[in-house]
Amino acid sequence: MSLLHDQGPPLGLQEFRLLRDVINKFCGIYFADDSAYVVERRLRGRLRDLGLEEFSEYYRYLQYHPKAQAELEAAAEVLTTNETYFFRESYQLRAFTDEILPVVRGRAKARGSRRLDVWSAGCSSGEEVYTVAMLIDSSGLFDGWDVRVFGNDISRRVLRKARGATYSSASFRAMIPDYERYFIETDEGKQVHPRIRSMCHFGHLNLMNQRRAAIVGRVDVAFCRNVLIYFDDASRRKVLDTIYERLHRGGYLLLGHSESLVRSSTAFEITQLTTDIVYRRPVPYTDLPPRRV
């Protein structure tokens, strides 16, 4: 048996570009030409599982097979990067706790509501969702309120881990000691306290599916951190349009530290906070309180 056969079939540039476009259309992820080797290496296992010998056959499978949709999900599963941990980018979380939460509380009360909704778009294995829930609980601002933190991901595998809420040491590399009280020691690792878990919900959602995104409902704050960096410009704009529609007027969008809306959207307004720059869905003038004279 040849070494080439041991490694699997090669992925030519033309086939790579065809596969790239199919995957990009499905989930927004974009691979430049210099990423062909990564795509080849990660998708070879899918060819083996399907009994296919060439990437050209795999492309035809994704285009025409009755199970193409399920296989696109499987391809996205192996091609996406799921790297997260508790209290990631703590400076931004301080802005969320100290400056954003008091504002959204006030706006909710002005609507006659005692409900807080936060969305983690692309939540991976759930650490961000539980971090947000712990911060809300610790703030004391929403005691007695209906609080929901919703996380979605395209990967069913990481969602299973998120729902299990049990984590190993790698997830605690930036852990803040004061929040250890929200975990219970188990044989498998540290598990999020049931009270925090009851605030958190997870769903399988492709961010490119704007119609299905309606399951998120209206939210006060959306986290979409270190997700859009993997998308091309057109896909990024589509996701941002979806987030904009899900946000209440005056609702906030928090991106990763290396991300911005330049070239992607002009719908949001920039808001300068003490420790971070975030984005907000504008509030129409008709919604603003009258000025005092």
C-alpha atoms as a PDB file:
ATOM      1  CA  MET A   1       0.000   0.000   0.000  1.00  0.00           C
ATOM      2  CA  SER A   2       1.442   3.367  -1.009  1.00  0.00           C
ATOM      3  CA  LEU A   3       2.178   6.188   1.378  1.00  0.00           C
ATOM      4  CA  LEU A   4      -0.185   8.409  -0.628  1.00  0.00           C
ATOM      5  CA  HIS A   5      -3.032   5.927  -0.095  1.00  0.00           C
ATOM      6  CA  ASP A   6      -2.236   5.799   3.632  1.00  0.00           C
ATOM      7  CA  GLN A   7      -2.589   9.551   3.819  1.00  0.00           C
ATOM      8  CA  GLY A   8      -5.649   9.727   1.614  1.00  0.00           C
ATOM      9  CA  PRO A   9      -6.455  11.379  -1.708  1.00  0.00           C
ATOM     10  CA  PRO A  10      -4.915  14.755  -2.602  1.00  0.00           C
ATOM     11  CA  LEU A  11      -7.062  17.869  -2.898  1.00  0.00           C
ATOM     12  CA  GLY A  12      -6.363  19.803  -6.087  1.00  0.00           C
ATOM     13  CA  LEU A  13      -6.755  23.569  -6.207  1.00  0.00           C
ATOM     14  CA  GLN A  14      -9.826  23.458  -8.457  1.00  0.00           C
ATOM     15  CA  GLU A  15     -11.563  20.914  -6.233  1.00  0.00           C
ATOM     16  CA  PHE A  16     -10.579  22.920  -3.163  1.00  0.00           C
ATOM     17  CA  ARG A  17     -12.192  26.068  -4.556  1.00  0.00           C
ATOM     18  CA  LEU A  18     -15.385  24.197  -5.438  1.00  0.00           C
ATOM     19  CA  LEU A  19     -15.618  22.727  -1.943  1.00  0.00           C
ATOM     20  CA  ARG A  20     -14.732  26.055  -0.365  1.00  0.00           C
ATOM     21  CA  ASP A  21     -17.599  27.775  -2.144  1.00  0.00           C
ATOM     22  CA  VAL A  22     -20.129  25.120  -1.139  1.00  0.00           C
ATOM     23  CA  ILE A  23     -19.079  25.304   2.501  1.00  0.00           C
ATOM     24  CA  ASN A  24     -18.984  29.095   2.445  1.00  0.00           C
ATOM     25  CA  LYS A  25     -22.525  29.268   1.094  1.00  0.00           C
ATOM     26  CA  PHE A  26     -23.700  26.848   3.774  1.00  0.00           C
ATOM     27  CA  CYS A  27     -22.158  28.314   6.919  1.00  0.00           C
ATOM     28  CA  GLY A  28     -20.229  31.483   5.985  1.00  0.00           C
ATOM     29  CA  ILE A  29     -16.753  30.156   6.748  1.00  0.00           C
ATOM     30  CA  TYR A  30     -14.215  31.149   4.119  1.00  0.00           C
ATOM     31  CA  PHE A  31     -10.861  29.511   3.385  1.00  0.00           C
ATOM     32  CA  ALA A  32      -8.167  31.326   1.417  1.00  0.00           C
ATOM     33  CA  ASP A  33      -6.137  29.348  -1.125  1.00  0.00           C
ATOM     34  CA  ASP A  34      -3.281  28.921   1.341  1.00  0.00           C
ATOM     35  CA  SER A  35      -5.653  26.968   3.625  1.00  0.00           C
ATOM     36  CA  ALA A  36      -6.131  24.152   1.104  1.00  0.00           C
ATOM     37  CA  TYR A  37      -3.923  21.768   3.075  1.00  0.00           C
ATOM     38  CA  VAL A  38      -5.946  22.324   6.267  1.00  0.00           C
ATOM     39  CA  VAL A  39      -9.195  21.600   4.429  1.00  0.00           C
ATOM     40  CA  GLU A  40      -7.664  18.515   2.810  1.00  0.00           C
ATOM     41  CA  ARG A  41      -6.416  17.125   6.105  1.00  0.00           C
ATOM     42  CA  ARG A  42      -9.646  17.739   7.994  1.00  0.00           C
ATOM     43  CA  LEU A  43     -12.012  16.419   5.311  1.00  0.00           C
ATOM     44  CA  ARG A  44     -10.166  13.203   4.502  1.00  0.00           C
ATOM     45  CA  GLY A  45     -11.918  11.486   7.395  1.00  0.00           C
ATOM     46  CA  ARG A  46     -15.282  12.418   5.909  1.00  0.00           C
ATOM     47  CA  LEU A  47     -14.312  10.763   2.613  1.00  0.00           C
ATOM     48  CA  ARG A  48     -13.304   7.603   4.461  1.00  0.00           C
ATOM     49  CA  ASP A  49     -16.576   7.515   6.397  1.00  0.00           C
ATOM     50  CA  LEU A  50     -18.588   7.856   3.188  1.00  0.00           C
ATOM     51  CA  GLY A  51     -16.486   5.352   1.239  1.00  0.00           C
ATOM     52  CA  LEU A  52     -15.378   7.947  -1.320  1.00  0.00           C
ATOM     53  CA  GLU A  53     -12.003   7.839  -3.027  1.00  0.00           C
ATOM     54  CA  GLU A  54     -11.654  11.324  -4.500  1.00  0.00           C
ATOM     55  CA  PHE A  55     -12.533  14.863  -3.431  1.00  0.00           C
ATOM     56  CA  SER A  56     -14.373  15.313  -6.736  1.00  0.00           C
ATOM     57  CA  GLU A  57     -16.773  12.582  -5.574  1.00  0.00           C
ATOM     58  CA  TYR A  58     -17.179  14.373  -2.252  1.00  0.00           C
ATOM     59  CA  TYR A  59     -18.065  17.612  -4.045  1.00  0.00           C
ATOM     60  CA  ARG A  60     -20.743  15.806  -6.055  1.00  0.00           C
ATOM     61  CA  TYR A  61     -22.037  14.259  -2.834  1.00  0.00           C
ATOM     62  CA  LEU A  62     -22.421  17.711  -1.228  1.00  0.00           C
ATOM     63  CA  GLN A  63     -24.188  19.010  -4.311  1.00  0.00           C
ATOM     64  CA  TYR A  64     -26.584  16.204  -5.213  1.00  0.00           C
ATOM     65  CA  HIS A  65     -26.875  13.479  -2.576  1.00  0.00           C
ATOM     66  CA  PRO A  66     -30.153  13.224  -0.606  1.00  0.00           C
ATOM     67  CA  LYS A  67     -28.112  13.430   2.605  1.00  0.00           C
ATOM     68  CA  ALA A  68     -26.072  16.421   1.467  1.00  0.00           C
ATOM     69  CA  GLN A  69     -27.481  18.697   4.201  1.00  0.00           C
ATOM     70  CA  ALA A  70     -26.416  16.340   6.975  1.00  0.00           C
ATOM     71  CA  GLU A  71     -22.989  15.967   5.405  1.00  0.00           C
ATOM     72  CA  LEU A  72     -22.563  19.735   5.168  1.00  0.00           C
ATOM     73  CA  GLU A  73     -23.152  19.866   8.913  1.00  0.00           C
ATOM     74  CA  ALA A  74     -20.557  17.118   9.387  1.00  0.00           C
ATOM     75  CA  ALA A  75     -18.072  19.025   7.204  1.00  0.00           C
ATOM     76  CA  ALA A  76     -18.643  22.226   9.158  1.00  0.00           C
ATOM     77  CA  GLU A  77     -18.104  20.231  12.353  1.00  0.00           C
ATOM     78  CA  VAL A  78     -14.586  19.184  11.388  1.00  0.00           C
ATOM     79  CA  LEU A  79     -13.647  22.490   9.753  1.00  0.00           C
ATOM     80  CA  THR A  80     -14.656  24.879  12.547  1.00  0.00           C
ATOM     81  CA  THR A  81     -12.373  25.904  15.386  1.00  0.00           C
ATOM     82  CA  ASN A  82     -13.832  25.661  18.888  1.00  0.00           C
ATOM     83  CA  GLU A  83     -11.496  27.419  21.298  1.00  0.00           C
ATOM     84  CA  THR A  84     -12.947  29.110  24.360  1.00  0.00           C
ATOM     85  CA  TYR A  85     -12.726  29.303  28.138  1.00  0.00           C
ATOM     86  CA  PHE A  86     -14.363  30.993  31.100  1.00  0.00           C
ATOM     87  CA  PHE A  87     -13.953  34.776  31.497  1.00  0.00           C
ATOM     88  CA  ARG A  88     -12.279  35.250  28.146  1.00  0.00           C
ATOM     89  CA  GLU A  89     -11.391  38.906  27.442  1.00  0.00           C
ATOM     90  CA  SER A  90     -12.100  40.019  31.001  1.00  0.00           C
ATOM     91  CA  TYR A  91     -11.811  43.745  30.215  1.00  0.00           C
ATOM     92  CA  GLN A  92     -14.864  43.470  27.985  1.00  0.00           C
ATOM     93  CA  LEU A  93     -16.753  41.496  30.591  1.00  0.00           C
ATOM     94  CA  ARG A  94     -16.118  44.301  33.089  1.00  0.00           C
ATOM     95  CA  ALA A  95     -17.690  46.743  30.631  1.00  0.00           C
ATOM     96  CA  PHE A  96     -20.641  44.382  30.256  1.00  0.00           C
ATOM     97  CA  THR A  97     -21.143  44.111  34.021  1.00  0.00           C
ATOM     98  CA  ASP A  98     -20.427  47.675  35.109  1.00  0.00           C
ATOM     99  CA  GLU A  99     -21.799  49.725  32.219  1.00  0.00           C
ATOM    100  CA  ILE A 100     -24.036  47.706  29.907  1.00  0.00           C
ATOM    101  CA  LEU A 101     -26.147  45.771  32.405  1.00  0.00           C
ATOM    102  CA  PRO A 102     -27.350  48.870  34.302  1.00  0.00           C
ATOM    103  CA  VAL A 103     -28.378  50.505  31.016  1.00  0.00           C
ATOM    104  CA  VAL A 104     -30.296  47.519  29.656  1.00  0.00           C
ATOM    105  CA  ARG A 105     -31.988  47.098  33.035  1.00  0.00           C
ATOM    106  CA  GLY A 106     -33.238  50.662  32.817  1.00  0.00           C
ATOM    107  CA  ARG A 107     -34.422  50.246  29.228  1.00  0.00           C
ATOM    108  CA  ALA A 108     -36.254  47.005  30.084  1.00  0.00           C
ATOM    109  CA  LYS A 109     -38.043  48.696  32.973  1.00  0.00           C
ATOM    110  CA  ALA A 110     -38.989  51.558  30.648  1.00  0.00           C
ATOM    111  CA  ARG A 111     -40.648  48.952  28.406  1.00  0.00           C
ATOM    112  CA  GLY A 112     -42.531  47.666  31.422  1.00  0.00           C
ATOM    113  CA  SER A 113     -40.517  44.452  31.404  1.00  0.00           C
ATOM    114  CA  ARG A 114     -38.607  42.487  34.013  1.00  0.00           C
ATOM    115  CA  ARG A 115     -36.918  40.210  31.510  1.00  0.00           C
ATOM    116  CA  LEU A 116     -33.284  40.100  30.367  1.00  0.00           C
ATOM    117  CA  ASP A 117     -32.201  38.210  27.249  1.00  0.00           C
ATOM    118  CA  VAL A 118     -28.571  37.737  26.195  1.00  0.00           C
ATOM    119  CA  TRP A 119     -27.410  35.855  23.101  1.00  0.00           C
ATOM    120  CA  SER A 120     -24.049  34.154  22.622  1.00  0.00           C
ATOM    121  CA  ALA A 121     -23.848  33.728  18.836  1.00  0.00           C
ATOM    122  CA  GLY A 122     -21.354  30.949  18.156  1.00  0.00           C
ATOM    123  CA  CYS A 123     -21.094  29.770  21.753  1.00  0.00           C
ATOM    124  CA  SER A 124     -18.876  26.727  21.163  1.00  0.00           C
ATOM    125  CA  SER A 125     -18.800  24.498  24.275  1.00  0.00           C
ATOM    126  CA  GLY A 126     -20.720  26.939  26.452  1.00  0.00           C
ATOM    127  CA  GLU A 127     -18.136  28.647  28.652  1.00  0.00           C
ATOM    128  CA  GLU A 128     -19.162  32.100  27.437  1.00  0.00           C
ATOM    129  CA  VAL A 129     -22.844  31.430  28.097  1.00  0.00           C
ATOM    130  CA  TYR A 130     -22.205  30.325  31.667  1.00  0.00           C
ATOM    131  CA  THR A 131     -19.750  33.181  32.239  1.00  0.00           C
ATOM    132  CA  VAL A 132     -22.414  35.702  31.219  1.00  0.00           C
ATOM    133  CA  ALA A 133     -24.997  34.037  33.469  1.00  0.00           C
ATOM    134  CA  MET A 134     -22.614  34.132  36.430  1.00  0.00           C
ATOM    135  CA  LEU A 135     -21.895  37.818  35.851  1.00  0.00           C
ATOM    136  CA  ILE A 136     -25.607  38.629  35.694  1.00  0.00           C
ATOM    137  CA  ASP A 137     -26.320  36.661  38.850  1.00  0.00           C
ATOM    138  CA  SER A 138     -23.403  38.215  40.720  1.00  0.00           C
ATOM    139  CA  SER A 139     -24.451  41.752  39.755  1.00  0.00           C
ATOM    140  CA  GLY A 140     -27.630  41.524  41.806  1.00  0.00           C
ATOM    141  CA  LEU A 141     -29.375  43.806  39.309  1.00  0.00           C
ATOM    142  CA  PHE A 142     -31.794  41.195  38.059  1.00  0.00           C
ATOM    143  CA  ASP A 143     -32.905  39.350  41.181  1.00  0.00           C
ATOM    144  CA  GLY A 144     -36.465  38.194  40.653  1.00  0.00           C
ATOM    145  CA  TRP A 145     -36.283  38.855  36.898  1.00  0.00           C
ATOM    146  CA  ASP A 146     -36.796  36.365  34.093  1.00  0.00           C
ATOM    147  CA  VAL A 147     -33.218  35.954  32.839  1.00  0.00           C
ATOM    148  CA  ARG A 148     -32.331  33.898  29.763  1.00  0.00           C
ATOM    149  CA  VAL A 149     -28.893  33.430  28.258  1.00  0.00           C
ATOM    150  CA  PHE A 150     -29.107  31.628  24.924  1.00  0.00           C
ATOM    151  CA  GLY A 151     -26.152  30.090  23.111  1.00  0.00           C
ATOM    152  CA  ASN A 152     -26.093  28.645  19.623  1.00  0.00           C
ATOM    153  CA  ASP A 153     -23.518  26.830  17.564  1.00  0.00           C
ATOM    154  CA  ILE A 154     -23.378  24.980  14.270  1.00  0.00           C
ATOM    155  CA  SER A 155     -21.576  22.066  15.930  1.00  0.00           C
ATOM    156  CA  ARG A 156     -23.818  19.537  17.653  1.00  0.00           C
ATOM    157  CA  ARG A 157     -20.766  18.020  19.335  1.00  0.00           C
ATOM    158  CA  VAL A 158     -19.829  21.168  21.254  1.00  0.00           C
ATOM    159  CA  LEU A 159     -23.477  21.785  22.122  1.00  0.00           C
ATOM    160  CA  ARG A 160     -23.598  18.392  23.844  1.00  0.00           C
ATOM    161  CA  LYS A 161     -20.645  19.463  25.944  1.00  0.00           C
ATOM    162  CA  ALA A 162     -22.285  22.808  26.693  1.00  0.00           C
ATOM    163  CA  ARG A 163     -25.461  21.141  27.909  1.00  0.00           C
ATOM    164  CA  GLY A 164     -23.422  18.780  30.081  1.00  0.00           C
ATOM    165  CA  ALA A 165     -21.847  21.858  31.747  1.00  0.00           C
ATOM    166  CA  THR A 166     -18.830  19.908  33.018  1.00  0.00           C
ATOM    167  CA  TYR A 167     -15.351  21.204  32.265  1.00  0.00           C
ATOM    168  CA  SER A 168     -11.692  20.294  32.666  1.00  0.00           C
ATOM    169  CA  SER A 169      -8.813  22.532  33.736  1.00  0.00           C
ATOM    170  CA  ALA A 170      -8.269  23.944  30.219  1.00  0.00           C
ATOM    171  CA  SER A 171     -11.530  25.864  30.494  1.00  0.00           C
ATOM    172  CA  PHE A 172     -10.390  27.636  33.681  1.00  0.00           C
ATOM    173  CA  ARG A 173      -7.173  29.265  32.456  1.00  0.00           C
ATOM    174  CA  ALA A 174      -8.576  32.772  33.085  1.00  0.00           C
ATOM    175  CA  MET A 175     -10.891  31.880  35.943  1.00  0.00           C
ATOM    176  CA  ILE A 176     -11.650  34.567  38.534  1.00  0.00           C
ATOM    177  CA  PRO A 177     -11.462  33.049  42.039  1.00  0.00           C
ATOM    178  CA  ASP A 178     -14.606  34.825  43.294  1.00  0.00           C
ATOM    179  CA  TYR A 179     -16.679  32.821  40.834  1.00  0.00           C
ATOM    180  CA  GLU A 180     -15.506  29.373  41.964  1.00  0.00           C
ATOM    181  CA  ARG A 181     -18.661  29.249  44.088  1.00  0.00           C
ATOM    182  CA  TYR A 182     -20.669  28.648  40.920  1.00  0.00           C
ATOM    183  CA  PHE A 183     -19.120  25.200  40.362  1.00  0.00           C
ATOM    184  CA  ILE A 184     -19.509  21.775  41.882  1.00  0.00           C
ATOM    185  CA  GLU A 185     -16.676  19.220  41.919  1.00  0.00           C
ATOM    186  CA  THR A 186     -17.504  15.935  40.147  1.00  0.00           C
ATOM    187  CA  ASP A 187     -15.501  12.901  39.060  1.00  0.00           C
ATOM    188  CA  GLU A 188     -15.555  14.196  35.464  1.00  0.00           C
ATOM    189  CA  GLY A 189     -14.540  17.770  36.303  1.00  0.00           C
ATOM    190  CA  LYS A 190     -16.137  20.958  37.578  1.00  0.00           C
ATOM    191  CA  GLN A 191     -19.823  21.290  36.809  1.00  0.00           C
ATOM    192  CA  VAL A 192     -21.740  24.565  36.620  1.00  0.00           C
ATOM    193  CA  HIS A 193     -24.157  25.032  39.524  1.00  0.00           C
ATOM    194  CA  PRO A 194     -27.765  24.047  38.690  1.00  0.00           C
ATOM    195  CA  ARG A 195     -29.036  27.552  39.500  1.00  0.00           C
ATOM    196  CA  ILE A 196     -26.797  29.031  36.793  1.00  0.00           C
ATOM    197  CA  ARG A 197     -27.583  26.213  34.378  1.00  0.00           C
ATOM    198  CA  SER A 198     -31.298  26.952  34.738  1.00  0.00           C
ATOM    199  CA  MET A 199     -30.693  30.411  33.243  1.00  0.00           C
ATOM    200  CA  CYS A 200     -28.897  29.019  30.181  1.00  0.00           C
ATOM    201  CA  HIS A 201     -30.295  27.456  27.035  1.00  0.00           C
ATOM    202  CA  PHE A 202     -28.612  26.061  23.934  1.00  0.00           C
ATOM    203  CA  GLY A 203     -29.749  25.459  20.380  1.00  0.00           C
ATOM    204  CA  HIS A 204     -28.345  24.206  17.108  1.00  0.00           C
ATOM    205  CA  LEU A 205     -28.332  27.135  14.699  1.00  0.00           C
ATOM    206  CA  ASN A 206     -26.462  28.024  11.539  1.00  0.00           C
ATOM    207  CA  LEU A 207     -25.950  31.804  11.692  1.00  0.00           C
ATOM    208  CA  MET A 208     -26.399  31.964   7.913  1.00  0.00           C
ATOM    209  CA  ASN A 209     -29.988  30.769   8.288  1.00  0.00           C
ATOM    210  CA  GLN A 210     -31.705  34.090   8.907  1.00  0.00           C
ATOM    211  CA  ARG A 211     -35.201  32.633   9.054  1.00  0.00           C
ATOM    212  CA  ARG A 212     -34.334  30.060  11.711  1.00  0.00           C
ATOM    213  CA  ALA A 213     -32.567  32.734  13.782  1.00  0.00           C
ATOM    214  CA  ALA A 214     -36.041  33.857  14.852  1.00  0.00           C
ATOM    215  CA  ILE A 215     -35.864  31.133  17.534  1.00  0.00           C
ATOM    216  CA  VAL A 216     -33.469  33.417  19.409  1.00  0.00           C
ATOM    217  CA  GLY A 217     -36.227  35.961  20.014  1.00  0.00           C
ATOM    218  CA  ARG A 218     -35.443  39.573  20.935  1.00  0.00           C
ATOM    219  CA  VAL A 219     -32.307  40.154  22.982  1.00  0.00           C
ATOM    220  CA  ASP A 220     -30.825  43.008  24.980  1.00  0.00           C
ATOM    221  CA  VAL A 221     -27.181  42.050  24.377  1.00  0.00           C
ATOM    222  CA  ALA A 222     -25.509  39.863  21.752  1.00  0.00           C
ATOM    223  CA  PHE A 223     -22.011  38.428  22.082  1.00  0.00           C
ATOM    224  CA  CYS A 224     -20.449  37.414  18.769  1.00  0.00           C
ATOM    225  CA  ARG A 225     -16.804  37.171  19.706  1.00  0.00           C
ATOM    226  CA  ASN A 226     -14.119  35.629  17.510  1.00  0.00           C
ATOM    227  CA  VAL A 227     -16.707  34.194  15.130  1.00  0.00           C
ATOM    228  CA  LEU A 228     -16.828  36.662  12.235  1.00  0.00           C
ATOM    229  CA  ILE A 229     -13.074  36.458  11.698  1.00  0.00           C
ATOM    230  CA  TYR A 230     -13.660  33.144   9.907  1.00  0.00           C
ATOM    231  CA  PHE A 231     -16.281  34.596   7.526  1.00  0.00           C
ATOM    232  CA  ASP A 232     -15.953  36.423   4.230  1.00  0.00           C
ATOM    233  CA  ASP A 233     -17.346  39.949   3.849  1.00  0.00           C
ATOM    234  CA  ALA A 234     -20.706  38.939   2.366  1.00  0.00           C
ATOM    235  CA  SER A 235     -21.344  36.296   5.032  1.00  0.00           C
ATOM    236  CA  ARG A 236     -20.258  38.693   7.762  1.00  0.00           C
ATOM    237  CA  ARG A 237     -22.771  41.285   6.597  1.00  0.00           C
ATOM    238  CA  LYS A 238     -25.531  38.684   6.524  1.00  0.00           C
ATOM    239  CA  VAL A 239     -24.842  37.577  10.101  1.00  0.00           C
ATOM    240  CA  LEU A 240     -24.662  41.168  11.324  1.00  0.00           C
ATOM    241  CA  ASP A 241     -28.026  41.900   9.688  1.00  0.00           C
ATOM    242  CA  THR A 242     -29.472  38.945  11.591  1.00  0.00           C
ATOM    243  CA  ILE A 243     -28.033  40.115  14.907  1.00  0.00           C
ATOM    244  CA  TYR A 244     -29.310  43.639  14.278  1.00  0.00           C
ATOM    245  CA  GLU A 245     -32.838  42.311  13.752  1.00  0.00           C
ATOM    246  CA  ARG A 246     -32.688  40.238  16.947  1.00  0.00           C
ATOM    247  CA  LEU A 247     -31.561  43.157  19.143  1.00  0.00           C
ATOM    248  CA  HIS A 248     -33.982  45.428  20.949  1.00  0.00           C
ATOM    249  CA  ARG A 249     -33.586  49.084  20.058  1.00  0.00           C
ATOM    250  CA  GLY A 250     -30.647  50.292  22.092  1.00  0.00           C
ATOM    251  CA  GLY A 251     -29.358  46.717  22.432  1.00  0.00           C
ATOM    252  CA  TYR A 252     -25.623  46.038  22.447  1.00  0.00           C
ATOM    253  CA  LEU A 253     -23.332  43.927  20.260  1.00  0.00           C
ATOM    254  CA  LEU A 254     -19.964  42.815  21.654  1.00  0.00           C
ATOM    255  CA  LEU A 255     -17.304  41.553  19.232  1.00  0.00           C
ATOM    256  CA  GLY A 256     -13.875  40.026  19.824  1.00  0.00           C
ATOM    257  CA  HIS A 257     -10.894  42.280  20.498  1.00  0.00           C
ATOM    258  CA  SER A 258      -9.557  41.953  16.924  1.00  0.00           C
ATOM    259  CA  GLU A 259     -12.915  42.462  15.213  1.00  0.00           C
ATOM    260  CA  SER A 260     -14.703  45.579  14.012  1.00  0.00           C
ATOM    261  CA  LEU A 261     -17.645  46.507  11.793  1.00  0.00           C
ATOM    262  CA  VAL A 262     -15.517  48.426   9.294  1.00  0.00           C
ATOM    263  CA  ARG A 263     -16.601  47.366   5.771  1.00  0.00           C
ATOM    264  CA  SER A 264     -19.264  45.103   7.291  1.00  0.00           C
ATOM    265  CA  SER A 265     -22.138  47.228   8.603  1.00  0.00           C
ATOM    266  CA  THR A 266     -23.152  50.841   9.060  1.00  0.00           C
ATOM    267  CA  ALA A 267     -26.383  49.978  10.871  1.00  0.00           C
ATOM    268  CA  PHE A 268     -24.826  49.986  14.350  1.00  0.00           C
ATOM    269  CA  GLU A 269     -23.514  52.985  16.255  1.00  0.00           C
ATOM    270  CA  ILE A 270     -20.190  52.887  18.086  1.00  0.00           C
ATOM    271  CA  THR A 271     -20.369  53.261  21.859  1.00  0.00           C
ATOM    272  CA  GLN A 272     -17.227  54.117  23.825  1.00  0.00           C
ATOM    273  CA  LEU A 273     -17.201  52.562  27.288  1.00  0.00           C
ATOM    274  CA  THR A 274     -14.548  52.863  29.978  1.00  0.00           C
ATOM    275  CA  THR A 275     -12.675  49.679  29.070  1.00  0.00           C
ATOM    276  CA  ASP A 276     -13.986  48.808  25.616  1.00  0.00           C
ATOM    277  CA  ILE A 277     -15.631  49.941  22.398  1.00  0.00           C
ATOM    278  CA  VAL A 278     -18.900  48.163  21.661  1.00  0.00           C
ATOM    279  CA  TYR A 279     -21.717  48.552  19.155  1.00  0.00           C
ATOM    280  CA  ARG A 280     -25.361  49.379  19.663  1.00  0.00           C
ATOM    281  CA  ARG A 281     -28.566  49.254  17.683  1.00  0.00           C
ATOM    282  CA  PRO A 282     -29.580  52.920  17.525  1.00  0.00           C
ATOM    283  CA  VAL A 283     -32.496  54.248  19.533  1.00  0.00           C
ATOM    284  CA  PRO A 284     -34.946  56.271  17.412  1.00  0.00           C
ATOM    285  CA  TYR A 285     -35.411  59.838  18.569  1.00  0.00           C
ATOM    286  CA  THR A 286     -39.064  59.055  19.277  1.00  0.00           C
ATOM    287  CA  ASP A 287     -37.917  56.539  21.922  1.00  0.00           C
ATOM    288  CA  LEU A 288     -35.690  59.008  23.773  1.00  0.00           C
ATOM    289  CA  PRO A 289     -36.959  60.609  26.996  1.00  0.00           C
ATOM    290  CA  PRO A 290     -37.812  64.330  26.769  1.00  0.00           C
ATOM    291  CA  ARG A 291     -35.082  66.760  27.716  1.00  0.00           C
ATOM    292  CA  ARG A 292     -35.409  68.634  30.946  1.00  0.00           C
ATOM    293  CA  VAL A 293     -35.487  72.411  30.484  1.00  0.00           C
END
